[in-house]
Structures are given as structure tokens and as C-alpha cells.
Amino acid sequence: MPAHAAGSADGGSNVGQGSARERTMTILKCYQVLGLAPGATLRQIHRAYKKLVLQHHPDRNSGDPASLKVFVEATEAYAQLKRAYALREAGKGFGVCPKCERLAPLLQGIGGRAYCSECLLARRRKFLPLPTYEQIRCVGVISLEGAALYLLVHSIVARSVPHGLVAFALGILAFCVMAYDFWTADVIER
């Protein structure tokens, strides 16, 4: 079945949902709906759109829901691709996000690549913003190291071997807790 005849995944009517659907349709999906290869010229896009619209227009196919779906999808795909070409020509920092493949303003990420704001700051980016529990873990490690340092100084001043051994054990424990926190920490996706 051609890509433009597949209809929407939800099976419902797309009439009246133009703006919400247009935001979720990827550029690749727009090309597929129009039956074109990615990178087609604006003239080729216009010709493919005109051909589909003339073939599936509601005035010619009254009452056919499949034809109406194709008509609505083709119109949305054409609008999305025209907007993409206009924004690219204007050079306003818009582009296709490499992660979600949507047309949006792109921002530079941690690794230097450009992403849309939703992919850059959403749940997928686990350290932005830093969760509170990570800070609490660090407080535990710092507390253990502080206690070890206090007991080490006290053992040197008082010349107490038991305090020195406890300080050494607390230092090792703090190192182990820090290593555990490091290995169980979330990793930022690239």
C-alpha cells in the first residue's frame, strides 16, 4: 500500500486536528505521504501535492473516509514541508532535530550537536536539571570524609591508634560510597 494511502495510525478522522497533527508529523513522514524521496525540490513537492489533492479532493470523492484521510495528510505534509523550506531559506536556526526528526528551532547540546528544546531538556536528558537525590548522595560522602578527617586529626593529636583505625575505615567507606554513587549514576545520552 502506498505511504499516502495508509491513513493515520489512530484510525480516527483528522479533520479539525491540523495544527496538532502538523507538529507531530516528521519531515521524513511528510515526504512519504507525498510519495517523494527526501530532499525533493519545492517544485516537485508542489507537483506531488497537487496530484494527490486533485485525486482525493472531498468534492470528487464525497463520503469516502480513506480518500479524506489521504487529502488531509497530503495537505498537512505540504504545509509542513513548505514551512520547512521557508524557515531554512530565512536561516533562523530552524532545522530537523536528529533525535525526534521534527522541525523546530535547534539549540546546541552538550556534545555540540543541535537538538530541539524538547529533546534537549526533556526526561531523556537525565541530568538537566540535576535531581535533588544526587545532591543528597554527595552530602553523605562528604560527611563520611569529614568524620574520617576529624578522627585522623584527633588520633594524631591524642596519639590514639584506635581513632586512627576508625578514621582509616571511614575513609575507605567514603571511597566505597563514592564509587557506588558513580557506578549507579544516570548517564547523559549522546
Protein backbone atom coordinates (compact mmCIF):
# COMPACT_ATOMS: atom_id res chain seq x y z
CA MET A 1 0.00 0.00 0.00
CA PRO A 2 1.45 3.44 -0.83
CA ALA A 3 2.56 5.60 2.05
CA HIS A 4 -0.04 8.26 1.29
CA ALA A 5 -2.89 5.74 1.40
CA ALA A 6 -2.04 4.33 4.81
CA GLY A 7 -4.09 6.91 6.74
CA SER A 8 -3.47 7.88 10.33
CA ALA A 9 -2.37 5.41 12.96
CA ASP A 10 -5.22 6.23 15.31
CA GLY A 11 -7.91 5.36 12.77
CA GLY A 12 -9.94 8.49 13.56
CA SER A 13 -10.77 11.44 11.38
CA ASN A 14 -8.07 14.06 11.06
CA VAL A 15 -10.39 16.90 10.15
CA GLY A 16 -10.03 19.75 12.63
CA GLN A 17 -6.74 18.42 14.03
CA GLY A 18 -4.46 20.17 11.54
CA SER A 19 -2.24 22.18 13.85
CA ALA A 20 -1.68 19.43 16.43
CA ARG A 21 -1.00 16.80 13.78
CA GLU A 22 1.27 19.11 11.81
CA ARG A 23 3.53 19.48 14.84
CA THR A 24 3.91 15.72 15.23
CA MET A 25 4.46 14.78 11.58
CA THR A 26 8.16 14.30 10.88
CA ILE A 27 9.80 15.66 7.75
CA LEU A 28 10.51 12.12 6.55
CA LYS A 29 6.83 11.22 7.04
CA CYS A 30 5.85 14.31 5.03
CA TYR A 31 7.95 13.13 2.10
CA GLN A 32 6.46 9.63 2.40
CA VAL A 33 2.89 10.96 2.43
CA LEU A 34 3.55 12.87 -0.79
CA GLY A 35 5.33 9.85 -2.32
CA LEU A 36 8.67 11.64 -2.70
CA ALA A 37 12.25 10.90 -1.76
CA PRO A 38 13.73 13.11 0.98
CA GLY A 39 15.45 16.17 -0.43
CA ALA A 40 12.96 16.79 -3.25
CA THR A 41 12.76 20.32 -4.59
CA LEU A 42 9.93 22.67 -3.72
CA ARG A 43 8.61 22.36 -7.28
CA GLN A 44 8.49 18.52 -7.00
CA ILE A 45 6.72 18.81 -3.65
CA HIS A 46 4.13 21.15 -5.14
CA ARG A 47 3.50 18.83 -8.12
CA ALA A 48 3.08 15.75 -5.91
CA TYR A 49 0.75 17.66 -3.59
CA LYS A 50 -1.35 18.96 -6.47
CA LYS A 51 -1.64 15.46 -7.95
CA LEU A 52 -2.79 13.94 -4.63
CA VAL A 53 -5.21 16.76 -3.88
CA LEU A 54 -6.85 16.57 -7.29
CA GLN A 55 -7.17 12.80 -6.98
CA HIS A 56 -8.52 12.72 -3.37
CA HIS A 57 -10.42 16.01 -3.07
CA PRO A 58 -13.63 15.65 -1.00
CA ASP A 59 -15.70 17.23 -3.80
CA ARG A 60 -14.67 14.40 -6.15
CA ASN A 61 -14.85 11.58 -3.57
CA SER A 62 -17.75 12.54 -1.34
CA GLY A 63 -18.28 10.18 1.56
CA ASP A 64 -15.04 8.20 1.16
CA PRO A 65 -13.23 8.36 4.54
CA ALA A 66 -9.99 6.84 3.20
CA SER A 67 -9.81 9.46 0.48
CA LEU A 68 -10.49 12.20 3.04
CA LYS A 69 -7.61 10.91 5.22
CA VAL A 70 -5.22 11.00 2.27
CA PHE A 71 -6.39 14.52 1.39
CA VAL A 72 -5.88 15.81 4.95
CA GLU A 73 -2.49 14.11 5.34
CA ALA A 74 -1.28 15.45 2.00
CA THR A 75 -2.38 18.97 2.91
CA GLU A 76 -0.62 18.79 6.29
CA ALA A 77 2.54 17.31 4.77
CA TYR A 78 2.63 20.02 2.10
CA ALA A 79 2.17 22.78 4.70
CA GLN A 80 4.93 21.30 6.89
CA LEU A 81 7.39 20.97 4.00
CA LYS A 82 6.64 24.48 2.72
CA ARG A 83 7.24 25.85 6.21
CA ALA A 84 10.48 23.87 6.47
CA TYR A 85 11.74 25.30 3.18
CA ALA A 86 10.75 28.85 4.16
CA LEU A 87 12.46 28.59 7.55
CA ARG A 88 15.57 27.08 6.03
CA GLU A 89 15.76 29.88 3.50
CA ALA A 90 15.27 32.50 6.23
CA GLY A 91 18.13 30.94 8.23
CA LYS A 92 16.53 31.38 11.65
CA GLY A 93 18.13 28.39 13.37
CA PHE A 94 15.32 26.02 12.43
CA GLY A 95 16.01 22.52 11.30
CA VAL A 96 15.18 18.86 11.75
CA CYS A 97 16.07 17.50 15.18
CA PRO A 98 18.28 14.39 14.80
CA LYS A 99 16.61 12.71 17.79
CA CYS A 100 12.86 13.16 17.18
CA GLU A 101 13.01 14.18 13.48
CA ARG A 102 10.66 17.16 13.98
CA LEU A 103 11.07 20.62 12.51
CA ALA A 104 11.83 23.02 15.34
CA PRO A 105 14.24 25.73 16.47
CA LEU A 106 17.53 23.95 17.20
CA LEU A 107 19.75 24.61 20.22
CA GLN A 108 23.29 23.40 20.76
CA GLY A 109 23.52 20.44 23.13
CA ILE A 110 26.30 19.29 25.46
CA GLY A 111 28.14 17.36 22.76
CA GLY A 112 27.96 20.23 20.27
CA ARG A 113 25.12 18.74 18.21
CA ALA A 114 21.91 20.69 17.67
CA TYR A 115 18.63 19.42 19.18
CA CYS A 116 15.14 20.83 19.65
CA SER A 117 14.37 22.17 23.12
CA GLU A 118 12.06 19.26 23.92
CA CYS A 119 14.75 16.64 23.28
CA LEU A 120 17.44 18.74 24.93
CA LEU A 121 15.62 19.38 28.21
CA ALA A 122 13.06 16.57 28.45
CA ARG A 123 13.26 13.45 30.60
CA ARG A 124 15.72 11.92 28.14
CA ARG A 125 18.37 14.34 29.43
CA LYS A 126 18.57 12.97 32.96
CA PHE A 127 20.99 15.50 34.47
CA LEU A 128 19.20 18.62 33.25
CA PRO A 129 18.16 19.88 35.78
CA LEU A 130 20.16 17.99 38.40
CA PRO A 131 17.85 15.89 40.61
CA THR A 132 17.84 16.53 44.37
CA TYR A 133 18.72 12.95 45.33
CA GLU A 134 22.11 13.24 43.59
CA GLN A 135 22.99 16.20 45.81
CA ILE A 136 21.91 14.27 48.93
CA ARG A 137 24.20 11.37 47.95
CA CYS A 138 27.13 13.78 47.73
CA VAL A 139 26.32 15.11 51.21
CA GLY A 140 26.66 11.56 52.59
CA VAL A 141 30.08 11.08 51.01
CA ILE A 142 31.27 14.48 52.24
CA SER A 143 30.02 13.71 55.77
CA LEU A 144 31.91 10.41 55.88
CA GLU A 145 35.08 12.09 54.61
CA GLY A 146 34.69 14.90 57.17
CA ALA A 147 34.30 12.40 60.02
CA ALA A 148 37.34 10.46 58.79
CA LEU A 149 39.43 13.64 58.63
CA TYR A 150 38.30 14.70 62.13
CA LEU A 151 39.18 11.31 63.61
CA LEU A 152 42.52 11.27 61.78
CA VAL A 153 43.49 14.67 63.21
CA HIS A 154 42.23 13.60 66.66
CA SER A 155 44.24 10.36 66.51
CA ILE A 156 47.42 12.28 65.61
CA VAL A 157 46.94 14.86 68.38
CA ALA A 158 45.93 12.28 71.04
CA ARG A 159 48.28 9.60 69.67
CA SER A 160 45.39 7.14 69.70
CA VAL A 161 45.72 4.14 67.38
CA PRO A 162 42.04 3.08 67.68
CA HIS A 163 40.92 6.54 66.48
CA GLY A 164 43.36 6.26 63.58
CA LEU A 165 41.97 2.87 62.58
CA VAL A 166 38.39 4.18 62.71
CA ALA A 167 39.45 7.20 60.60
CA PHE A 168 41.04 4.85 58.06
CA ALA A 169 37.88 2.69 57.97
CA LEU A 170 35.66 5.77 57.48
CA GLY A 171 37.92 6.97 54.66
CA ILE A 172 37.64 3.60 52.91
CA LEU A 173 33.86 3.58 53.47
CA ALA A 174 33.55 7.10 52.00
CA PHE A 175 35.55 5.99 48.96
CA CYS A 176 33.31 2.91 48.51
CA VAL A 177 30.13 5.01 48.78
CA MET A 178 31.52 7.47 46.23
CA ALA A 179 32.39 4.61 43.85
CA TYR A 180 28.89 3.15 44.28
CA ASP A 181 27.30 6.54 43.55
CA PHE A 182 29.46 6.91 40.45
CA TRP A 183 28.58 3.48 39.04
CA THR A 184 24.84 3.82 39.72
CA ALA A 185 24.52 7.39 38.39
CA ASP A 186 22.41 8.04 35.30
CA VAL A 187 24.27 8.61 32.05
CA ILE A 188 23.57 11.50 29.71
CA GLU A 189 22.52 10.20 26.29
CA ARG A 190 24.57 11.19 23.28
